[in-house]
Amino acid sequence: MHPMLSPIISIVAGLLILIYPAILNYVIAVYLIVFGILELINKY
């Protein structure tokens, strides 16, 4: 995984939560799923 990818995803997720607080659960869920998949890919 590119070293700058995780911070960029975090910033985008934070901005989405600020703009649309109602989608907080979806943003967190998508972020966790994407981060988990990327970590699994990096380990194997």
C-alpha atoms as a PDB file:
ATOM      1  CA  MET A   1       0.000   0.000   0.000  1.00  0.00           C
ATOM      2  CA  HIS A   2       1.238   3.447  -0.813  1.00  0.00           C
ATOM      3  CA  PRO A   3       2.261   5.324   2.389  1.00  0.00           C
ATOM      4  CA  MET A   4       0.074   8.320   1.528  1.00  0.00           C
ATOM      5  CA  LEU A   5      -3.082   6.307   0.860  1.00  0.00           C
ATOM      6  CA  SER A   6      -4.242   5.787   4.443  1.00  0.00           C
ATOM      7  CA  PRO A   7      -3.982   9.475   5.476  1.00  0.00           C
ATOM      8  CA  ILE A   8      -5.781  10.555   2.309  1.00  0.00           C
ATOM      9  CA  ILE A   9      -8.613   8.081   2.951  1.00  0.00           C
ATOM     10  CA  SER A  10      -8.847   9.354   6.534  1.00  0.00           C
ATOM     11  CA  ILE A  11      -9.070  12.984   5.401  1.00  0.00           C
ATOM     12  CA  VAL A  12     -11.760  12.199   2.825  1.00  0.00           C
ATOM     13  CA  ALA A  13     -13.763  10.222   5.392  1.00  0.00           C
ATOM     14  CA  GLY A  14     -13.461  13.085   7.894  1.00  0.00           C
ATOM     15  CA  LEU A  15     -14.647  15.633   5.347  1.00  0.00           C
ATOM     16  CA  LEU A  16     -17.611  13.457   4.376  1.00  0.00           C
ATOM     17  CA  ILE A  17     -18.605  13.152   8.030  1.00  0.00           C
ATOM     18  CA  LEU A  18     -18.381  16.930   8.485  1.00  0.00           C
ATOM     19  CA  ILE A  19     -20.453  17.616   5.366  1.00  0.00           C
ATOM     20  CA  TYR A  20     -22.998  14.804   5.788  1.00  0.00           C
ATOM     21  CA  PRO A  21     -23.211  13.758   9.463  1.00  0.00           C
ATOM     22  CA  ALA A  22     -26.113  11.403   8.671  1.00  0.00           C
ATOM     23  CA  ILE A  23     -23.796   9.058   6.730  1.00  0.00           C
ATOM     24  CA  LEU A  24     -21.353   8.676   9.614  1.00  0.00           C
ATOM     25  CA  ASN A  25     -22.030   4.952  10.060  1.00  0.00           C
ATOM     26  CA  TYR A  26     -21.595   4.229   6.354  1.00  0.00           C
ATOM     27  CA  VAL A  27     -18.356   6.199   6.090  1.00  0.00           C
ATOM     28  CA  ILE A  28     -16.880   4.398   9.095  1.00  0.00           C
ATOM     29  CA  ALA A  29     -18.016   1.010   7.803  1.00  0.00           C
ATOM     30  CA  VAL A  30     -16.557   1.568   4.332  1.00  0.00           C
ATOM     31  CA  TYR A  31     -13.315   2.918   5.796  1.00  0.00           C
ATOM     32  CA  LEU A  32     -12.879  -0.086   8.083  1.00  0.00           C
ATOM     33  CA  ILE A  33     -13.643  -2.556   5.298  1.00  0.00           C
ATOM     34  CA  VAL A  34     -11.233  -0.899   2.856  1.00  0.00           C
ATOM     35  CA  PHE A  35      -8.498  -0.571   5.482  1.00  0.00           C
ATOM     36  CA  GLY A  36      -8.915  -4.204   6.515  1.00  0.00           C
ATOM     37  CA  ILE A  37      -8.742  -5.468   2.934  1.00  0.00           C
ATOM     38  CA  LEU A  38      -5.651  -3.375   2.208  1.00  0.00           C
ATOM     39  CA  GLU A  39      -3.938  -4.666   5.344  1.00  0.00           C
ATOM     40  CA  LEU A  40      -4.725  -8.273   4.403  1.00  0.00           C
ATOM     41  CA  ILE A  41      -3.342  -7.733   0.897  1.00  0.00           C
ATOM     42  CA  ASN A  42      -0.137  -6.268   2.343  1.00  0.00           C
ATOM     43  CA  LYS A  43       0.404  -9.168   4.748  1.00  0.00           C
ATOM     44  CA  TYR A  44       0.020 -11.924   2.120  1.00  0.00           C
END
